[in-house]
Amino acid sequence: MRQKEPYSQLATRNSRLKRNSQLCLAMLLLVSSTLGCGYHAVGGKSARLPSDLHTIVIPAFRNTTTTYHIEQVVTEAVVREFAERTQYRVITRNDADADATLRGSVLAVGLTPLTSDSQTGRLASSQASIIVSISLVDRHGKVLFENPSYSFHQQYELSRNPATFFQEESPALDRLARDFARTLVSNVLEAY
């Protein structure tokens, strides 16, 4: 017949079980938050683009927002960044001989006020944000990079001249598109 454990041993064992289960739960949460970051490069972080990739088609991104021509600004920035930073031949029209296609859809664009001038009360800085669904797929349909909600933010200062206040949005979106493209291309190339 099995003897009952003394209360102190039972309490110590229960304490260890509780601590171990909390540790396991914390590790599970950490792993799930890391895996659920929103985008992935197929094959993990050490994956690189295939060595037989020489030509990338980047057709005009789709625009699902009400921001006029944002898809053109973003597409041009991404094409320029790929052309300047890589050895890939970048084309903008569909080509059956291309090794891969990079497709994007601009899902959201926003300008959020951040600070105001304490003397005039006018807006002094804003944050520009863009969310794009992006995927790089090879000619056989294999996903090389994908992020259904690639989010990028940039803070910028506004002009203090009221006459140019409304002209700030376009340069801000141009800067946002350039910085977005730079970060996107880095992430695709580094399989981040």
Protein backbone atom coordinates (compact mmCIF):
# COMPACT_ATOMS: atom_id res chain seq x y z
CA MET A 1 0.00 0.00 0.00
CA ARG A 2 1.28 3.45 -0.98
CA GLN A 3 1.96 5.92 1.81
CA LYS A 4 0.77 9.48 1.65
CA GLU A 5 3.41 12.13 1.16
CA PRO A 6 3.96 14.53 4.02
CA TYR A 7 2.31 17.93 3.47
CA SER A 8 5.63 19.81 3.07
CA GLN A 9 6.80 17.45 0.27
CA LEU A 10 3.43 17.67 -1.46
CA ALA A 11 3.49 21.48 -1.30
CA THR A 12 7.05 21.58 -2.68
CA ARG A 13 6.12 19.26 -5.56
CA ASN A 14 2.98 21.27 -6.37
CA SER A 15 5.01 24.47 -6.29
CA ARG A 16 7.51 23.00 -8.78
CA LEU A 17 4.72 21.79 -11.05
CA LYS A 18 3.07 25.20 -10.98
CA ARG A 19 6.39 26.95 -11.71
CA ASN A 20 7.17 24.53 -14.56
CA SER A 21 3.72 24.95 -16.09
CA GLN A 22 4.06 28.76 -15.90
CA LEU A 23 7.46 28.52 -17.56
CA CYS A 24 6.04 26.29 -20.32
CA LEU A 25 3.15 28.70 -20.84
CA ALA A 26 5.52 31.68 -21.05
CA MET A 27 7.70 29.86 -23.60
CA LEU A 28 4.62 28.87 -25.62
CA LEU A 29 3.44 32.49 -25.69
CA LEU A 30 6.89 33.68 -26.71
CA VAL A 31 7.12 31.16 -29.55
CA SER A 32 3.58 31.85 -30.78
CA SER A 33 4.12 35.63 -30.76
CA THR A 34 7.36 35.19 -32.70
CA LEU A 35 5.74 32.92 -35.27
CA GLY A 36 2.70 35.12 -35.63
CA CYS A 37 4.57 38.27 -36.65
CA GLY A 38 2.54 38.70 -39.84
CA TYR A 39 4.99 37.82 -42.55
CA HIS A 40 7.44 35.11 -43.30
CA ALA A 41 10.12 34.14 -45.71
CA VAL A 42 9.52 30.61 -46.80
CA GLY A 43 12.26 28.41 -45.39
CA GLY A 44 12.99 30.50 -42.30
CA LYS A 45 15.30 33.40 -41.59
CA SER A 46 18.32 31.76 -43.16
CA ALA A 47 16.52 31.40 -46.49
CA ARG A 48 17.74 33.55 -49.36
CA LEU A 49 16.24 34.15 -52.74
CA PRO A 50 17.04 31.32 -55.14
CA SER A 51 20.29 31.64 -57.10
CA ASP A 52 18.44 31.05 -60.38
CA LEU A 53 16.35 34.19 -59.84
CA HIS A 54 17.42 36.83 -62.35
CA THR A 55 14.26 38.67 -63.45
CA ILE A 56 11.50 40.06 -61.24
CA VAL A 57 8.24 41.44 -62.56
CA ILE A 58 6.74 44.21 -60.42
CA PRO A 59 3.37 45.17 -61.90
CA ALA A 60 1.53 48.23 -60.60
CA PHE A 61 0.28 47.70 -57.07
CA ARG A 62 -3.47 47.78 -56.45
CA ASN A 63 -4.98 50.62 -54.47
CA THR A 64 -7.84 49.76 -52.12
CA THR A 65 -7.69 53.15 -50.38
CA THR A 66 -9.10 56.56 -51.21
CA THR A 67 -5.60 58.08 -51.43
CA TYR A 68 -5.20 59.20 -55.02
CA HIS A 69 -2.27 57.61 -56.92
CA ILE A 70 -0.63 56.10 -53.82
CA GLU A 71 -0.24 52.79 -55.67
CA GLN A 72 1.83 54.51 -58.38
CA VAL A 73 4.09 56.25 -55.87
CA VAL A 74 4.67 53.02 -53.93
CA THR A 75 5.18 50.88 -57.05
CA GLU A 76 7.72 53.34 -58.49
CA ALA A 77 9.63 53.43 -55.19
CA VAL A 78 9.76 49.63 -54.95
CA VAL A 79 10.84 49.25 -58.61
CA ARG A 80 13.54 51.90 -58.16
CA GLU A 81 14.81 50.30 -54.93
CA PHE A 82 15.03 46.80 -56.47
CA ALA A 83 16.77 48.21 -59.58
CA GLU A 84 19.31 50.22 -57.59
CA ARG A 85 20.10 47.76 -54.81
CA THR A 86 20.03 44.40 -56.56
CA GLN A 87 21.41 42.74 -59.67
CA TYR A 88 17.95 41.54 -60.69
CA ARG A 89 16.49 42.70 -63.95
CA VAL A 90 13.30 44.47 -62.91
CA ILE A 91 10.44 44.83 -65.35
CA THR A 92 7.01 46.33 -64.80
CA ARG A 93 4.94 44.41 -67.35
CA ASN A 94 4.02 40.76 -67.09
CA ASP A 95 6.56 38.56 -68.82
CA ALA A 96 6.20 34.79 -69.09
CA ASP A 97 9.99 34.43 -68.95
CA ALA A 98 10.32 36.26 -65.60
CA ASP A 99 11.65 34.21 -62.70
CA ALA A 100 9.38 35.78 -60.06
CA THR A 101 6.57 38.28 -59.60
CA LEU A 102 6.21 40.77 -56.77
CA ARG A 103 2.58 41.80 -56.26
CA GLY A 104 1.24 44.34 -53.84
CA SER A 105 -1.99 45.97 -52.75
CA VAL A 106 -2.06 49.17 -50.74
CA LEU A 107 -4.59 48.41 -47.99
CA ALA A 108 -4.41 51.57 -45.88
CA VAL A 109 -2.69 54.92 -45.75
CA GLY A 110 -2.94 57.30 -42.85
CA LEU A 111 -1.62 60.56 -41.50
CA THR A 112 -1.88 60.89 -37.74
CA PRO A 113 -1.18 64.17 -35.90
CA LEU A 114 1.57 63.82 -33.29
CA THR A 115 2.62 67.22 -31.95
CA SER A 116 1.51 70.82 -32.20
CA ASP A 117 3.34 74.11 -31.95
CA SER A 118 2.77 75.48 -28.46
CA GLN A 119 2.80 79.10 -29.69
CA THR A 120 0.54 78.85 -32.72
CA GLY A 121 -1.44 75.72 -31.92
CA ARG A 122 -0.77 74.45 -35.45
CA LEU A 123 0.21 70.88 -36.14
CA ALA A 124 4.01 70.48 -35.98
CA SER A 125 4.55 66.78 -36.79
CA SER A 126 2.59 63.80 -38.02
CA GLN A 127 3.06 60.11 -38.52
CA ALA A 128 2.48 58.69 -41.98
CA SER A 129 1.49 55.02 -42.09
CA ILE A 130 1.01 52.54 -44.87
CA ILE A 131 -0.18 48.93 -44.86
CA VAL A 132 0.47 46.81 -47.95
CA SER A 133 -0.28 43.21 -48.79
CA ILE A 134 2.83 41.90 -50.50
CA SER A 135 3.96 38.61 -52.02
CA LEU A 136 6.92 37.44 -54.09
CA VAL A 137 6.12 34.25 -55.97
CA ASP A 138 8.39 32.36 -58.36
CA ARG A 139 7.24 31.21 -61.80
CA HIS A 140 6.24 27.80 -60.40
CA GLY A 141 3.94 29.33 -57.78
CA LYS A 142 6.28 28.91 -54.82
CA VAL A 143 5.96 31.76 -52.32
CA LEU A 144 9.38 33.29 -51.64
CA PHE A 145 8.19 36.13 -49.41
CA GLU A 146 4.77 37.07 -48.14
CA ASN A 147 3.16 39.51 -45.75
CA PRO A 148 -0.59 40.07 -45.99
CA SER A 149 -0.38 43.24 -43.86
CA TYR A 150 3.09 44.74 -44.15
CA SER A 151 2.91 47.83 -41.94
CA PHE A 152 5.31 50.75 -42.10
CA HIS A 153 5.31 54.10 -40.23
CA GLN A 154 7.35 57.29 -40.50
CA GLN A 155 7.25 60.53 -38.52
CA TYR A 156 7.73 63.82 -40.36
CA GLU A 157 7.77 67.52 -39.53
CA LEU A 158 5.27 69.92 -41.06
CA SER A 159 6.07 73.33 -42.48
CA ARG A 160 5.33 76.25 -40.16
CA ASN A 161 4.12 78.31 -43.10
CA PRO A 162 0.29 78.01 -43.27
CA ALA A 163 0.33 78.57 -47.05
CA THR A 164 2.28 75.33 -47.59
CA PHE A 165 0.48 73.28 -44.92
CA PHE A 166 -1.73 71.38 -47.36
CA GLN A 167 1.17 70.74 -49.72
CA GLU A 168 2.97 68.62 -47.11
CA GLU A 169 0.96 65.45 -47.67
CA SER A 170 2.42 64.64 -51.09
CA PRO A 171 6.10 64.99 -50.09
CA ALA A 172 5.36 63.05 -46.92
CA LEU A 173 3.83 60.21 -48.91
CA ASP A 174 6.80 60.27 -51.30
CA ARG A 175 9.20 59.96 -48.36
CA LEU A 176 7.00 57.27 -46.85
CA ALA A 177 7.01 55.31 -50.13
CA ARG A 178 10.82 55.57 -50.44
CA ASP A 179 11.43 54.43 -46.87
CA PHE A 180 8.81 51.70 -47.19
CA ALA A 181 10.48 50.42 -50.38
CA ARG A 182 13.93 50.49 -48.77
CA THR A 183 12.72 48.45 -45.79
CA LEU A 184 10.71 46.05 -47.93
CA VAL A 185 13.62 45.29 -50.27
CA SER A 186 15.92 44.75 -47.27
CA ASN A 187 13.45 42.33 -45.75
CA VAL A 188 12.99 40.40 -49.00
CA LEU A 189 16.75 40.20 -49.67
CA GLU A 190 17.66 39.25 -46.12
CA ALA A 191 14.69 36.92 -45.72
CA TYR A 192 13.92 38.74 -42.49
